[in-house]
PDB file of N, CA and C in Angstrom:
ATOM      1  N   MET A   1     -45.250  73.835 175.233  1.00  0.00           N
ATOM      2  CA  MET A   1     -45.460  73.347 173.610  1.00  0.00           C
ATOM      3  C   MET A   1     -44.962  72.083 174.425  1.00  0.00           C
ATOM      4  N   ARG A   2     -44.051  71.604 175.234  1.00  0.00           N
ATOM      5  CA  ARG A   2     -44.266  70.403 175.862  1.00  0.00           C
ATOM      6  C   ARG A   2     -44.907  69.367 176.296  1.00  0.00           C
ATOM      7  N   SER A   3     -45.656  70.043 177.124  1.00  0.00           N
ATOM      8  CA  SER A   3     -47.242  69.713 177.594  1.00  0.00           C
ATOM      9  C   SER A   3     -48.224  69.140 176.500  1.00  0.00           C
ATOM     10  N   PHE A   4     -48.259  69.994 175.311  1.00  0.00           N
ATOM     11  CA  PHE A   4     -48.712  69.808 174.172  1.00  0.00           C
ATOM     12  C   PHE A   4     -48.477  68.148 173.865  1.00  0.00           C
ATOM     13  N   ILE A   5     -46.884  68.296 173.499  1.00  0.00           N
ATOM     14  CA  ILE A   5     -46.658  67.106 172.977  1.00  0.00           C
ATOM     15  C   ILE A   5     -46.821  65.667 173.844  1.00  0.00           C
ATOM     16  N   VAL A   6     -46.474  65.856 175.097  1.00  0.00           N
ATOM     17  CA  VAL A   6     -46.796  65.314 176.106  1.00  0.00           C
ATOM     18  C   VAL A   6     -48.569  64.795 176.204  1.00  0.00           C
ATOM     19  N   ASP A   7     -49.288  65.358 176.101  1.00  0.00           N
ATOM     20  CA  ASP A   7     -50.634  65.226 175.858  1.00  0.00           C
ATOM     21  C   ASP A   7     -51.238  64.336 174.778  1.00  0.00           C
ATOM     22  N   SER A   8     -50.300  65.124 173.377  1.00  0.00           N
ATOM     23  CA  SER A   8     -50.735  64.337 172.443  1.00  0.00           C
ATOM     24  C   SER A   8     -50.719  62.624 172.317  1.00  0.00           C
ATOM     25  N   TRP A   9     -48.988  62.448 172.970  1.00  0.00           N
ATOM     26  CA  TRP A   9     -48.565  61.462 173.153  1.00  0.00           C
ATOM     27  C   TRP A   9     -49.531  60.473 173.940  1.00  0.00           C
ATOM     28  N   ASN A  10     -49.511  61.137 175.348  1.00  0.00           N
ATOM     29  CA  ASN A  10     -50.658  59.952 175.597  1.00  0.00           C
ATOM     30  C   ASN A  10     -52.092  59.751 174.954  1.00  0.00           C
ATOM     31  N   ALA A  11     -52.786  60.864 174.850  1.00  0.00           N
ATOM     32  CA  ALA A  11     -54.009  60.822 173.889  1.00  0.00           C
ATOM     33  C   ALA A  11     -54.077  59.811 173.038  1.00  0.00           C
ATOM     34  N   VAL A  12     -52.656  59.426 172.318  1.00  0.00           N
ATOM     35  CA  VAL A  12     -52.778  57.800 170.780  1.00  0.00           C
ATOM     36  C   VAL A  12     -52.283  56.893 171.536  1.00  0.00           C
ATOM     37  N   MET A  13     -51.173  57.218 172.561  1.00  0.00           N
ATOM     38  CA  MET A  13     -49.785  55.918 172.425  1.00  0.00           C
ATOM     39  C   MET A  13     -50.161  55.246 174.077  1.00  0.00           C
ATOM     40  N   ASN A  14     -50.891  56.221 174.919  1.00  0.00           N
ATOM     41  CA  ASN A  14     -50.892  55.514 176.957  1.00  0.00           C
ATOM     42  C   ASN A  14     -52.234  54.920 176.754  1.00  0.00           C
ATOM     43  N   SER A  15     -52.321  53.607 176.778  1.00  0.00           N
ATOM     44  CA  SER A  15     -53.388  53.436 176.969  1.00  0.00           C
ATOM     45  C   SER A  15     -54.587  53.735 178.507  1.00  0.00           C
ATOM     46  N   GLU A  16     -53.573  54.135 179.522  1.00  0.00           N
ATOM     47  CA  GLU A  16     -54.147  54.873 180.267  1.00  0.00           C
ATOM     48  C   GLU A  16     -54.926  55.609 180.506  1.00  0.00           C
ATOM     49  N   TYR A  17     -54.757  56.873 179.472  1.00  0.00           N
ATOM     50  CA  TYR A  17     -55.392  57.792 179.248  1.00  0.00           C
ATOM     51  C   TYR A  17     -56.144  57.727 177.894  1.00  0.00           C
ATOM     52  N   ASN A  18     -55.559  56.970 176.917  1.00  0.00           N
ATOM     53  CA  ASN A  18     -56.719  56.532 175.448  1.00  0.00           C
ATOM     54  C   ASN A  18     -58.195  56.063 175.936  1.00  0.00           C
ATOM     55  N   PRO A  19     -59.437  56.108 174.894  1.00  0.00           N
ATOM     56  CA  PRO A  19     -60.384  55.400 175.228  1.00  0.00           C
ATOM     57  C   PRO A  19     -60.058  53.652 175.528  1.00  0.00           C
ATOM     58  N   LEU A  20     -58.763  53.258 175.395  1.00  0.00           N
ATOM     59  CA  LEU A  20     -58.727  51.713 175.745  1.00  0.00           C
ATOM     60  C   LEU A  20     -58.714  51.636 177.117  1.00  0.00           C
ATOM     61  N   SER A  21     -58.529  52.939 177.705  1.00  0.00           N
ATOM     62  CA  SER A  21     -58.233  52.861 179.263  1.00  0.00           C
ATOM     63  C   SER A  21     -59.601  52.130 179.841  1.00  0.00           C
ATOM     64  N   VAL A  22     -60.627  51.627 179.405  1.00  0.00           N
ATOM     65  CA  VAL A  22     -61.794  51.466 180.331  1.00  0.00           C
ATOM     66  C   VAL A  22     -61.675  49.979 180.170  1.00  0.00           C
ATOM     67  N   ILE A  23     -60.975  49.276 179.328  1.00  0.00           N
ATOM     68  CA  ILE A  23     -60.566  47.928 179.212  1.00  0.00           C
ATOM     69  C   ILE A  23     -59.745  47.619 180.572  1.00  0.00           C
ATOM     70  N   PRO A  24     -60.209  46.645 181.249  1.00  0.00           N
ATOM     71  CA  PRO A  24     -59.704  46.309 182.551  1.00  0.00           C
ATOM     72  C   PRO A  24     -58.144  45.473 182.221  1.00  0.00           C
ATOM     73  N   HIS A  25     -58.099  45.171 181.362  1.00  0.00           N
ATOM     74  CA  HIS A  25     -56.973  43.747 181.337  1.00  0.00           C
ATOM     75  C   HIS A  25     -55.932  44.719 180.478  1.00  0.00           C
ATOM     76  N   THR A  26     -55.013  44.481 181.162  1.00  0.00           N
ATOM     77  CA  THR A  26     -53.551  45.201 180.221  1.00  0.00           C
ATOM     78  C   THR A  26     -53.057  44.669 179.092  1.00  0.00           C
ATOM     79  N   GLY A  27     -53.356  43.298 179.353  1.00  0.00           N
ATOM     80  CA  GLY A  27     -52.445  42.686 178.269  1.00  0.00           C
ATOM     81  C   GLY A  27     -53.459  42.722 176.847  1.00  0.00           C
ATOM     82  N   THR A  28     -54.773  42.997 177.173  1.00  0.00           N
ATOM     83  CA  THR A  28     -55.892  43.035 176.097  1.00  0.00           C
ATOM     84  C   THR A  28     -55.658  44.128 175.590  1.00  0.00           C
ATOM     85  N   ARG A  29     -55.382  45.107 176.391  1.00  0.00           N
ATOM     86  CA  ARG A  29     -55.095  46.673 175.651  1.00  0.00           C
ATOM     87  C   ARG A  29     -53.785  46.290 175.033  1.00  0.00           C
ATOM     88  N   HIS A  30     -52.599  45.993 175.593  1.00  0.00           N
ATOM     89  CA  HIS A  30     -51.654  45.626 174.913  1.00  0.00           C
ATOM     90  C   HIS A  30     -51.950  45.117 173.350  1.00  0.00           C
ATOM     91  N   MET A  31     -52.704  44.100 173.233  1.00  0.00           N
ATOM     92  CA  MET A  31     -53.086  43.385 172.179  1.00  0.00           C
ATOM     93  C   MET A  31     -53.420  43.822 171.132  1.00  0.00           C
ATOM     94  N   ILE A  32     -54.612  45.037 171.899  1.00  0.00           N
ATOM     95  CA  ILE A  32     -55.118  45.754 170.565  1.00  0.00           C
ATOM     96  C   ILE A  32     -54.148  47.271 170.396  1.00  0.00           C
ATOM     97  N   MET A  33     -53.323  47.552 170.656  1.00  0.00           N
ATOM     98  CA  MET A  33     -52.323  48.710 170.765  1.00  0.00           C
ATOM     99  C   MET A  33     -51.367  48.336 169.365  1.00  0.00           C
ATOM    100  N   GLN A  34     -50.859  46.694 169.222  1.00  0.00           N
ATOM    101  CA  GLN A  34     -50.070  46.281 168.680  1.00  0.00           C
ATOM    102  C   GLN A  34     -50.952  45.936 167.438  1.00  0.00           C
ATOM    103  N   VAL A  35     -52.281  45.457 166.876  1.00  0.00           N
ATOM    104  CA  VAL A  35     -52.920  45.570 166.110  1.00  0.00           C
ATOM    105  C   VAL A  35     -53.163  47.030 165.397  1.00  0.00           C
ATOM    106  N   LEU A  36     -53.387  47.183 166.305  1.00  0.00           N
ATOM    107  CA  LEU A  36     -53.308  49.027 165.616  1.00  0.00           C
ATOM    108  C   LEU A  36     -52.324  49.202 164.877  1.00  0.00           C
ATOM    109  N   ALA A  37     -50.885  49.111 165.297  1.00  0.00           N
ATOM    110  CA  ALA A  37     -49.652  49.285 165.343  1.00  0.00           C
ATOM    111  C   ALA A  37     -49.346  48.641 163.547  1.00  0.00           C
ATOM    112  N   TRP A  38     -49.900  47.541 163.564  1.00  0.00           N
ATOM    113  CA  TRP A  38     -49.761  46.756 162.685  1.00  0.00           C
ATOM    114  C   TRP A  38     -50.599  47.113 161.462  1.00  0.00           C
ATOM    115  N   MET A  39     -51.999  47.463 161.546  1.00  0.00           N
ATOM    116  CA  MET A  39     -52.683  48.248 160.913  1.00  0.00           C
ATOM    117  C   MET A  39     -51.911  49.697 160.048  1.00  0.00           C
ATOM    118  N   TRP A  40     -51.764  50.269 161.225  1.00  0.00           N
ATOM    119  CA  TRP A  40     -50.937  51.604 160.568  1.00  0.00           C
ATOM    120  C   TRP A  40     -49.393  51.307 159.838  1.00  0.00           C
ATOM    121  N   VAL A  41     -49.108  50.414 160.111  1.00  0.00           N
ATOM    122  CA  VAL A  41     -47.632  49.878 159.194  1.00  0.00           C
ATOM    123  C   VAL A  41     -48.367  49.413 157.889  1.00  0.00           C
ATOM    124  N   ILE A  42     -49.412  49.171 157.681  1.00  0.00           N
ATOM    125  CA  ILE A  42     -49.944  48.546 156.543  1.00  0.00           C
ATOM    126  C   ILE A  42     -50.269  49.222 155.947  1.00  0.00           C
ATOM    127  N   VAL A  43     -51.301  50.454 156.360  1.00  0.00           N
ATOM    128  CA  VAL A  43     -51.292  51.823 155.725  1.00  0.00           C
ATOM    129  C   VAL A  43     -50.493  53.062 155.269  1.00  0.00           C
ATOM    130  N   PHE A  44     -49.127  52.694 155.711  1.00  0.00           N
ATOM    131  CA  PHE A  44     -48.430  53.322 155.693  1.00  0.00           C
ATOM    132  C   PHE A  44     -47.799  52.620 154.087  1.00  0.00           C
ATOM    133  N   THR A  45     -47.448  51.760 154.236  1.00  0.00           N
ATOM    134  CA  THR A  45     -46.962  50.909 153.120  1.00  0.00           C
ATOM    135  C   THR A  45     -47.947  50.488 152.278  1.00  0.00           C
ATOM    136  N   VAL A  46     -49.230  50.703 152.190  1.00  0.00           N
ATOM    137  CA  VAL A  46     -49.296  50.831 151.010  1.00  0.00           C
ATOM    138  C   VAL A  46     -49.611  52.452 150.469  1.00  0.00           C
ATOM    139  N   VAL A  47     -49.678  53.343 151.196  1.00  0.00           N
ATOM    140  CA  VAL A  47     -49.457  55.215 150.560  1.00  0.00           C
ATOM    141  C   VAL A  47     -48.330  55.286 149.916  1.00  0.00           C
ATOM    142  N   THR A  48     -46.988  54.408 151.016  1.00  0.00           N
ATOM    143  CA  THR A  48     -45.612  54.849 150.165  1.00  0.00           C
ATOM    144  C   THR A  48     -45.473  54.034 149.014  1.00  0.00           C
ATOM    145  N   GLY A  49     -45.958  52.873 149.011  1.00  0.00           N
ATOM    146  CA  GLY A  49     -45.302  51.745 147.946  1.00  0.00           C
ATOM    147  C   GLY A  49     -44.323  50.933 148.140  1.00  0.00           C
ATOM    148  N   THR A  50     -44.119  50.955 149.706  1.00  0.00           N
ATOM    149  CA  THR A  50     -42.934  50.158 149.795  1.00  0.00           C
ATOM    150  C   THR A  50     -43.572  48.950 150.317  1.00  0.00           C
ATOM    151  N   TRP A  51     -43.949  47.724 149.800  1.00  0.00           N
ATOM    152  CA  TRP A  51     -44.197  46.578 149.438  1.00  0.00           C
ATOM    153  C   TRP A  51     -42.982  45.172 150.251  1.00  0.00           C
ATOM    154  N   ALA A  52     -41.931  46.134 149.969  1.00  0.00           N
ATOM    155  CA  ALA A  52     -41.241  45.032 149.975  1.00  0.00           C
ATOM    156  C   ALA A  52     -40.703  45.396 151.772  1.00  0.00           C
ATOM    157  N   TRP A  53     -40.745  46.785 152.036  1.00  0.00           N
ATOM    158  CA  TRP A  53     -40.116  46.374 154.017  1.00  0.00           C
ATOM    159  C   TRP A  53     -41.540  46.267 154.829  1.00  0.00           C
ATOM    160  N   ILE A  54     -42.798  45.897 154.351  1.00  0.00           N
ATOM    161  CA  ILE A  54     -43.638  45.554 155.239  1.00  0.00           C
ATOM    162  C   ILE A  54     -43.279  44.665 156.439  1.00  0.00           C
ATOM    163  N   GLY A  55     -42.917  43.187 156.150  1.00  0.00           N
ATOM    164  CA  GLY A  55     -42.638  42.401 157.052  1.00  0.00           C
ATOM    165  C   GLY A  55     -41.316  43.010 157.981  1.00  0.00           C
ATOM    166  N   ILE A  56     -40.842  44.119 158.012  1.00  0.00           N
ATOM    167  CA  ILE A  56     -39.510  44.561 158.645  1.00  0.00           C
ATOM    168  C   ILE A  56     -40.097  45.369 159.540  1.00  0.00           C
ATOM    169  N   ASN A  57     -41.286  45.988 158.966  1.00  0.00           N
ATOM    170  CA  ASN A  57     -42.100  47.243 159.959  1.00  0.00           C
ATOM    171  C   ASN A  57     -42.848  46.400 160.648  1.00  0.00           C
ATOM    172  N   ILE A  58     -43.397  45.482 160.423  1.00  0.00           N
ATOM    173  CA  ILE A  58     -44.009  44.798 160.953  1.00  0.00           C
ATOM    174  C   ILE A  58     -43.779  44.577 162.534  1.00  0.00           C
ATOM    175  N   VAL A  59     -42.461  43.813 162.526  1.00  0.00           N
ATOM    176  CA  VAL A  59     -41.352  43.026 163.067  1.00  0.00           C
ATOM    177  C   VAL A  59     -41.021  44.399 164.295  1.00  0.00           C
ATOM    178  N   ALA A  60     -40.395  45.527 163.312  1.00  0.00           N
ATOM    179  CA  ALA A  60     -39.722  46.441 163.918  1.00  0.00           C
ATOM    180  C   ALA A  60     -40.885  47.212 164.988  1.00  0.00           C
ATOM    181  N   HIS A  61     -41.912  47.172 164.763  1.00  0.00           N
ATOM    182  CA  HIS A  61     -43.102  48.081 165.395  1.00  0.00           C
ATOM    183  C   HIS A  61     -43.644  47.278 166.651  1.00  0.00           C
ATOM    184  N   THR A  62     -43.706  45.906 165.813  1.00  0.00           N
ATOM    185  CA  THR A  62     -44.130  45.060 167.507  1.00  0.00           C
ATOM    186  C   THR A  62     -43.085  45.222 168.820  1.00  0.00           C
ATOM    187  N   LEU A  63     -41.418  44.994 168.264  1.00  0.00           N
ATOM    188  CA  LEU A  63     -40.444  45.077 169.217  1.00  0.00           C
ATOM    189  C   LEU A  63     -40.505  46.225 169.854  1.00  0.00           C
ATOM    190  N   LEU A  64     -40.619  47.345 169.196  1.00  0.00           N
ATOM    191  CA  LEU A  64     -40.690  48.633 169.690  1.00  0.00           C
ATOM    192  C   LEU A  64     -41.685  48.857 170.522  1.00  0.00           C
ATOM    193  N   LEU A  65     -42.624  48.741 170.397  1.00  0.00           N
ATOM    194  CA  LEU A  65     -43.904  48.608 171.094  1.00  0.00           C
ATOM    195  C   LEU A  65     -43.780  47.852 172.110  1.00  0.00           C
ATOM    196  N   GLY A  66     -43.404  46.462 172.246  1.00  0.00           N
ATOM    197  CA  GLY A  66     -43.344  45.439 173.244  1.00  0.00           C
ATOM    198  C   GLY A  66     -42.523  45.979 174.267  1.00  0.00           C
ATOM    199  N   ALA A  67     -40.797  46.336 173.809  1.00  0.00           N
ATOM    200  CA  ALA A  67     -39.722  46.847 174.541  1.00  0.00           C
ATOM    201  C   ALA A  67     -40.503  48.424 175.521  1.00  0.00           C
ATOM    202  N   ILE A  68     -41.436  49.401 175.055  1.00  0.00           N
ATOM    203  CA  ILE A  68     -41.765  50.119 175.170  1.00  0.00           C
ATOM    204  C   ILE A  68     -42.916  49.820 176.662  1.00  0.00           C
ATOM    205  N   VAL A  69     -43.806  48.421 176.364  1.00  0.00           N
ATOM    206  CA  VAL A  69     -44.840  47.984 177.378  1.00  0.00           C
ATOM    207  C   VAL A  69     -43.934  47.581 178.761  1.00  0.00           C
ATOM    208  N   ILE A  70     -42.889  46.552 178.531  1.00  0.00           N
ATOM    209  CA  ILE A  70     -42.447  45.957 179.523  1.00  0.00           C
ATOM    210  C   ILE A  70     -41.405  46.773 180.083  1.00  0.00           C
ATOM    211  N   THR A  71     -40.964  48.570 179.702  1.00  0.00           N
ATOM    212  CA  THR A  71     -40.365  49.195 180.212  1.00  0.00           C
ATOM    213  C   THR A  71     -41.215  50.118 181.448  1.00  0.00           C
ATOM    214  N   VAL A  72     -42.130  49.947 180.447  1.00  0.00           N
ATOM    215  CA  VAL A  72     -43.425  51.003 181.300  1.00  0.00           C
ATOM    216  C   VAL A  72     -43.686  49.962 182.527  1.00  0.00           C
ATOM    217  N   ALA A  73     -44.120  49.001 182.398  1.00  0.00           N
ATOM    218  CA  ALA A  73     -44.617  47.779 183.707  1.00  0.00           C
ATOM    219  C   ALA A  73     -43.811  47.566 184.547  1.00  0.00           C
ATOM    220  N   THR A  74     -42.330  47.490 184.148  1.00  0.00           N
ATOM    221  CA  THR A  74     -41.118  47.510 185.355  1.00  0.00           C
ATOM    222  C   THR A  74     -41.442  48.598 185.787  1.00  0.00           C
ATOM    223  N   PHE A  75     -41.283  49.843 185.407  1.00  0.00           N
ATOM    224  CA  PHE A  75     -41.304  51.491 186.217  1.00  0.00           C
ATOM    225  C   PHE A  75     -42.406  51.043 186.964  1.00  0.00           C
ATOM    226  N   GLU A  76     -43.524  50.772 186.519  1.00  0.00           N
ATOM    227  CA  GLU A  76     -44.470  51.129 187.578  1.00  0.00           C
ATOM    228  C   GLU A  76     -44.609  49.803 188.544  1.00  0.00           C
ATOM    229  N   THR A  77     -44.200  48.933 187.958  1.00  0.00           N
ATOM    230  CA  THR A  77     -44.424  47.843 189.408  1.00  0.00           C
ATOM    231  C   THR A  77     -43.030  48.257 190.144  1.00  0.00           C
ATOM    232  N   ALA A  78     -41.928  48.780 190.095  1.00  0.00           N
ATOM    233  CA  ALA A  78     -41.172  49.178 190.816  1.00  0.00           C
ATOM    234  C   ALA A  78     -41.340  50.250 191.607  1.00  0.00           C
ATOM    235  N   LYS A  79     -42.339  51.369 190.870  1.00  0.00           N
ATOM    236  CA  LYS A  79     -42.715  52.371 191.922  1.00  0.00           C
ATOM    237  C   LYS A  79     -44.391  51.856 192.605  1.00  0.00           C
ATOM    238  N   ARG A  80     -44.989  51.223 192.316  1.00  0.00           N
ATOM    239  CA  ARG A  80     -46.012  50.694 193.174  1.00  0.00           C
ATOM    240  C   ARG A  80     -45.837  49.536 194.160  1.00  0.00           C
ATOM    241  N   LYS A  81     -44.921  48.586 193.968  1.00  0.00           N
ATOM    242  CA  LYS A  81     -44.703  47.467 194.611  1.00  0.00           C
ATOM    243  C   LYS A  81     -42.609  46.969 194.687  1.00  0.00           C
ATOM    244  N   PRO A  82     -42.210  48.442 195.381  1.00  0.00           N
ATOM    245  CA  PRO A  82     -40.705  47.724 195.199  1.00  0.00           C
ATOM    246  C   PRO A  82     -40.431  46.626 195.572  1.00  0.00           C
ATOM    247  N   GLU A  83     -40.991  46.498 196.806  1.00  0.00           N
ATOM    248  CA  GLU A  83     -40.343  45.191 197.272  1.00  0.00           C
ATOM    249  C   GLU A  83     -40.392  43.670 196.158  1.00  0.00           C
ATOM    250  N   TYR A  84     -41.237  43.960 195.159  1.00  0.00           N
ATOM    251  CA  TYR A  84     -41.372  43.152 194.339  1.00  0.00           C
ATOM    252  C   TYR A  84     -39.515  42.599 193.856  1.00  0.00           C
ATOM    253  N   PHE A  85     -39.009  43.616 193.996  1.00  0.00           N
ATOM    254  CA  PHE A  85     -37.891  43.591 193.269  1.00  0.00           C
ATOM    255  C   PHE A  85     -36.500  43.460 194.411  1.00  0.00           C
ATOM    256  N   GLY A  86     -37.021  42.828 195.713  1.00  0.00           N
ATOM    257  CA  GLY A  86     -35.991  43.050 196.914  1.00  0.00           C
ATOM    258  C   GLY A  86     -35.288  42.037 197.274  1.00  0.00           C
ATOM    259  N   GLY A  87     -35.664  40.561 196.460  1.00  0.00           N
ATOM    260  CA  GLY A  87     -34.953  39.668 196.091  1.00  0.00           C
ATOM    261  C   GLY A  87     -33.899  39.167 195.784  1.00  0.00           C
ATOM    262  N   PHE A  88     -33.851  40.397 194.660  1.00  0.00           N
ATOM    263  CA  PHE A  88     -32.031  40.280 193.935  1.00  0.00           C
ATOM    264  C   PHE A  88     -31.396  40.701 194.787  1.00  0.00           C
ATOM    265  N   GLY A  89     -29.879  40.278 193.939  1.00  0.00           N
ATOM    266  CA  GLY A  89     -28.797  40.697 194.656  1.00  0.00           C
ATOM    267  C   GLY A  89     -27.848  39.932 195.360  1.00  0.00           C
ATOM    268  N   ARG A  90     -27.458  40.638 196.500  1.00  0.00           N
ATOM    269  CA  ARG A  90     -26.744  40.080 197.900  1.00  0.00           C
ATOM    270  C   ARG A  90     -28.165  40.482 199.258  1.00  0.00           C
ATOM    271  N   ALA A  91     -27.255  38.955 199.955  1.00  0.00           N
ATOM    272  CA  ALA A  91     -28.071  38.775 201.190  1.00  0.00           C
ATOM    273  C   ALA A  91     -28.338  40.303 202.234  1.00  0.00           C
ATOM    274  N   GLN A  92     -28.639  39.788 203.158  1.00  0.00           N
ATOM    275  CA  GLN A  92     -28.719  41.443 204.016  1.00  0.00           C
ATOM    276  C   GLN A  92     -27.619  41.357 204.508  1.00  0.00           C
ATOM    277  N   GLY A  93     -26.937  40.786 204.767  1.00  0.00           N
ATOM    278  CA  GLY A  93     -25.182  40.558 205.376  1.00  0.00           C
ATOM    279  C   GLY A  93     -24.649  41.413 204.593  1.00  0.00           C
ATOM    280  N   GLY A  94     -24.821  41.312 203.279  1.00  0.00           N
ATOM    281  CA  GLY A  94     -23.813  42.180 202.270  1.00  0.00           C
ATOM    282  C   GLY A  94     -23.253  40.886 201.292  1.00  0.00           C
ATOM    283  N   GLU A  95     -23.172  39.634 201.853  1.00  0.00           N
ATOM    284  CA  GLU A  95     -22.626  38.464 201.165  1.00  0.00           C
ATOM    285  C   GLU A  95     -23.645  37.811 200.252  1.00  0.00           C
ATOM    286  N   HIS A  96     -23.194  36.963 199.249  1.00  0.00           N
ATOM    287  CA  HIS A  96     -23.879  36.084 198.477  1.00  0.00           C
ATOM    288  C   HIS A  96     -24.952  34.940 199.312  1.00  0.00           C
ATOM    289  N   GLU A  97     -25.904  35.224 198.983  1.00  0.00           N
ATOM    290  CA  GLU A  97     -26.832  33.666 199.508  1.00  0.00           C
ATOM    291  C   GLU A  97     -26.594  32.031 199.263  1.00  0.00           C
TER     292      GLU A  97
END
């Protein structure tokens, strides 16, 4: 069951696995995912008749998806290029630079 849930999530929400994976530019994939999220917000707003909440829903989806993208990008950078984060913190001797 767990793998079904993960595979289902990836098929829709992960642009590395869904059909958007053929688009080479990550920013473009992210923008397309944002537009799709806004579209679904509007569709659900129309279906449920909650027009008063459409602005809040769009902002919330934008923030949520943006935070997910930033988190995934940070994790991927840490995994692939850990030296990128090597300049933060204390100097080699343990003291501040």
